[in-house]
Amino acid sequence: MADYTEFTSLVNNFVPNIPPFVVAKAAQQCSQDFFGRTTELQEQQTLSVTEGKRKYTLRPQTADTFINLVLSVEDDKGREIAFCQHANELVLDPIPRKNEDLTIRLALCPNLESSEIPDDVYFRHSTPLRYGVLAILKAQPNTEWYHPQEAASYRAMYEQEISQSKILQYTTNPYLKMEIDSFN
């Protein structure tokens, strides 16, 4: 797991002599925003369903995270199961007719107590996270690293990275696509 203080190495060339705890707080804010707006922090779970029971409470296995979105629910044959989500509650439709294990893909978001993110996620998304952290840091008034023009520039690059991430997620994840059949 990558601790938020490790983000200091990402921004040190742009914001020298910054205390690691300041970077860690900015990294936490940026991570919550980035993963809250994208589906990049994912987890796959197995859910054992009971015949006749349609509501299930989900809990993320990754520490200090909460469930942002249920991406998919599939049976053991890979068939998609219809569902509805409200916070950590999953409602299956139709009601299960037998006991079985379902595979669930979840999009997670770090919570307020988080102090780290998984290494693979950190390395894969270091560029947008760097831009976001720099945008936050450069926008802090009364500091030696305050620079509003650079903050706006980094914010624009951060928003562009989020847009690219969303486009990639929508084009590669069939569960997030909405296709309407033609009426012709």
Protein backbone atom coordinates (compact mmCIF):
# COMPACT_ATOMS: atom_id res chain seq x y z
CA MET A 1 0.00 0.00 0.00
CA ALA A 2 1.23 3.47 -0.91
CA ASP A 3 1.08 5.90 1.99
CA TYR A 4 -0.08 9.43 1.17
CA THR A 5 3.28 10.82 2.36
CA GLU A 6 4.84 8.98 -0.61
CA PHE A 7 3.19 11.57 -2.86
CA THR A 8 5.97 13.92 -1.69
CA SER A 9 8.28 12.29 -4.25
CA LEU A 10 5.74 13.06 -7.01
CA VAL A 11 5.53 16.78 -6.24
CA ASN A 12 8.91 17.60 -4.68
CA ASN A 13 10.37 18.95 -7.94
CA PHE A 14 7.44 21.35 -8.32
CA VAL A 15 6.97 22.29 -4.65
CA PRO A 16 10.36 22.04 -2.89
CA ASN A 17 10.73 21.94 0.90
CA ILE A 18 7.10 21.09 1.55
CA PRO A 19 6.31 19.16 4.74
CA PRO A 20 5.18 15.58 4.03
CA PHE A 21 2.06 15.95 6.22
CA VAL A 22 0.85 18.83 4.00
CA VAL A 23 1.35 16.69 0.90
CA ALA A 24 -0.40 13.75 2.61
CA LYS A 25 -3.49 15.83 3.36
CA ALA A 26 -3.62 17.15 -0.23
CA ALA A 27 -3.11 13.60 -1.54
CA GLN A 28 -5.97 12.33 0.61
CA GLN A 29 -8.29 15.07 -0.71
CA CYS A 30 -7.22 14.41 -4.29
CA SER A 31 -7.65 10.63 -3.96
CA GLN A 32 -11.15 11.01 -2.57
CA ASP A 33 -12.08 13.31 -5.44
CA PHE A 34 -10.41 11.26 -8.20
CA PHE A 35 -11.72 7.85 -7.14
CA GLY A 36 -15.11 9.33 -6.26
CA ARG A 37 -15.49 10.63 -9.82
CA THR A 38 -14.03 7.61 -11.62
CA THR A 39 -14.27 3.83 -11.27
CA GLU A 40 -10.51 3.28 -11.16
CA LEU A 41 -10.26 1.78 -7.65
CA GLN A 42 -12.00 -1.56 -8.10
CA GLU A 43 -12.52 -4.72 -6.11
CA GLN A 44 -14.07 -8.07 -7.00
CA GLN A 45 -16.00 -10.06 -4.40
CA THR A 46 -17.97 -13.27 -4.20
CA LEU A 47 -21.44 -12.95 -2.70
CA SER A 48 -23.26 -16.06 -1.49
CA VAL A 49 -26.96 -15.54 -2.14
CA THR A 50 -29.81 -17.39 -0.46
CA GLU A 51 -32.93 -18.61 -2.19
CA GLY A 52 -35.76 -16.10 -1.72
CA LYS A 53 -33.58 -13.31 -0.27
CA ARG A 54 -33.09 -10.24 -2.46
CA LYS A 55 -31.35 -7.65 -0.19
CA TYR A 56 -27.69 -7.96 0.79
CA THR A 57 -25.33 -5.65 2.63
CA LEU A 58 -21.94 -5.22 0.95
CA ARG A 59 -18.69 -4.35 2.67
CA PRO A 60 -15.45 -3.48 0.88
CA GLN A 61 -12.50 -5.74 1.62
CA THR A 62 -9.99 -2.93 1.01
CA ALA A 63 -9.37 -1.05 4.25
CA ASP A 64 -10.48 2.57 4.67
CA THR A 65 -12.72 2.62 1.61
CA PHE A 66 -16.42 2.77 0.90
CA ILE A 67 -18.45 1.45 -2.02
CA ASN A 68 -18.94 4.14 -4.61
CA LEU A 69 -20.70 2.02 -7.23
CA VAL A 70 -21.58 -1.60 -7.96
CA LEU A 71 -20.27 -2.15 -11.49
CA SER A 72 -21.58 -5.63 -12.21
CA VAL A 73 -23.19 -8.73 -10.73
CA GLU A 74 -22.70 -12.05 -12.54
CA ASP A 75 -23.58 -15.66 -11.84
CA ASP A 76 -21.10 -18.55 -12.10
CA LYS A 77 -21.74 -18.83 -15.86
CA GLY A 78 -20.89 -15.17 -16.47
CA ARG A 79 -24.48 -14.07 -17.05
CA GLU A 80 -25.34 -10.60 -15.86
CA ILE A 81 -27.83 -10.33 -12.99
CA ALA A 82 -30.07 -7.25 -12.70
CA PHE A 83 -29.57 -5.26 -9.51
CA CYS A 84 -30.21 -1.98 -7.77
CA GLN A 85 -27.82 -0.33 -5.35
CA HIS A 86 -28.46 2.04 -2.47
CA ALA A 87 -25.29 2.90 -0.54
CA ASN A 88 -23.96 -0.47 0.72
CA GLU A 89 -27.19 -2.34 0.04
CA LEU A 90 -27.57 -4.51 -3.05
CA VAL A 91 -31.04 -5.55 -4.21
CA LEU A 92 -31.22 -8.37 -6.76
CA ASP A 93 -33.97 -8.66 -9.34
CA PRO A 94 -35.37 -11.20 -9.89
CA ILE A 95 -35.32 -12.75 -6.43
CA PRO A 96 -32.79 -15.63 -6.38
CA ARG A 97 -34.40 -19.04 -6.87
CA LYS A 98 -31.45 -21.04 -5.56
CA ASN A 99 -28.43 -20.72 -3.32
CA GLU A 100 -25.40 -19.75 -5.38
CA ASP A 101 -22.29 -17.60 -5.45
CA LEU A 102 -22.32 -14.39 -7.49
CA THR A 103 -19.32 -12.36 -8.60
CA ILE A 104 -19.59 -8.66 -7.85
CA ARG A 105 -17.33 -5.89 -9.17
CA LEU A 106 -17.24 -2.76 -7.04
CA ALA A 107 -15.84 0.72 -7.57
CA LEU A 108 -14.42 2.02 -4.29
CA CYS A 109 -13.48 5.42 -2.92
CA PRO A 110 -11.08 6.18 -0.03
CA ASN A 111 -12.86 7.40 3.09
CA LEU A 112 -11.88 10.26 5.42
CA GLU A 113 -9.74 7.99 7.60
CA SER A 114 -7.68 6.61 4.71
CA SER A 115 -3.94 7.08 4.82
CA GLU A 116 -2.94 4.95 1.84
CA ILE A 117 -4.07 3.47 -1.47
CA PRO A 118 -3.09 0.17 -3.13
CA ASP A 119 0.32 0.22 -4.83
CA ASP A 120 -0.97 -0.83 -8.25
CA VAL A 121 -3.55 1.98 -8.22
CA TYR A 122 -0.93 4.48 -7.05
CA PHE A 123 1.50 3.62 -9.84
CA ARG A 124 -1.16 3.37 -12.55
CA HIS A 125 -2.67 6.78 -11.70
CA SER A 126 0.35 8.72 -10.49
CA THR A 127 0.01 11.35 -13.25
CA PRO A 128 -3.56 12.49 -12.55
CA LEU A 129 -2.96 12.25 -8.81
CA ARG A 130 0.18 14.38 -9.16
CA TYR A 131 -1.76 17.02 -11.10
CA GLY A 132 -4.53 17.03 -8.50
CA VAL A 133 -2.17 17.30 -5.55
CA LEU A 134 -0.23 20.11 -7.24
CA ALA A 135 -3.48 21.95 -7.99
CA ILE A 136 -4.44 21.76 -4.31
CA LEU A 137 -1.00 22.78 -3.05
CA LYS A 138 -0.47 25.65 -5.50
CA ALA A 139 -3.88 27.06 -4.50
CA GLN A 140 -2.97 27.36 -0.79
CA PRO A 141 -2.61 31.08 0.01
CA ASN A 142 0.02 32.43 2.40
CA THR A 143 2.50 29.67 1.58
CA GLU A 144 5.79 29.85 -0.29
CA TRP A 145 4.39 27.51 -2.96
CA TYR A 146 1.23 29.57 -3.61
CA HIS A 147 0.83 30.23 -7.34
CA PRO A 148 -2.78 30.64 -8.56
CA GLN A 149 -1.96 30.52 -12.28
CA GLU A 150 -0.10 27.23 -11.92
CA ALA A 151 -2.90 25.91 -9.69
CA ALA A 152 -5.42 26.61 -12.46
CA SER A 153 -3.17 24.95 -15.02
CA TYR A 154 -2.70 21.81 -12.89
CA ARG A 155 -6.43 21.75 -12.17
CA ALA A 156 -7.18 21.79 -15.91
CA MET A 157 -4.72 18.92 -16.50
CA TYR A 158 -6.27 17.00 -13.59
CA GLU A 159 -9.78 17.46 -15.01
CA GLN A 160 -8.52 16.31 -18.43
CA GLU A 161 -7.11 13.13 -16.86
CA ILE A 162 -10.45 12.46 -15.16
CA SER A 163 -12.25 12.90 -18.48
CA GLN A 164 -9.87 10.49 -20.20
CA SER A 165 -10.34 7.97 -17.40
CA LYS A 166 -14.12 8.17 -17.73
CA ILE A 167 -13.96 7.74 -21.50
CA LEU A 168 -11.73 4.68 -21.09
CA GLN A 169 -14.01 3.21 -18.43
CA TYR A 170 -17.16 3.73 -20.50
CA THR A 171 -15.64 2.23 -23.65
CA THR A 172 -14.14 -0.83 -21.93
CA ASN A 173 -16.85 -1.64 -19.40
CA PRO A 174 -20.05 -2.88 -21.06
CA TYR A 175 -21.99 -2.52 -17.80
CA LEU A 176 -21.57 1.27 -17.83
CA LYS A 177 -22.84 1.69 -21.39
CA MET A 178 -26.41 2.57 -22.11
CA GLU A 179 -27.58 1.43 -25.51
CA ILE A 180 -31.07 2.12 -26.77
CA ASP A 181 -32.38 -0.14 -29.50
CA SER A 182 -33.59 1.48 -32.67
CA PHE A 183 -37.33 1.74 -33.18
CA ASN A 184 -37.02 1.23 -36.94
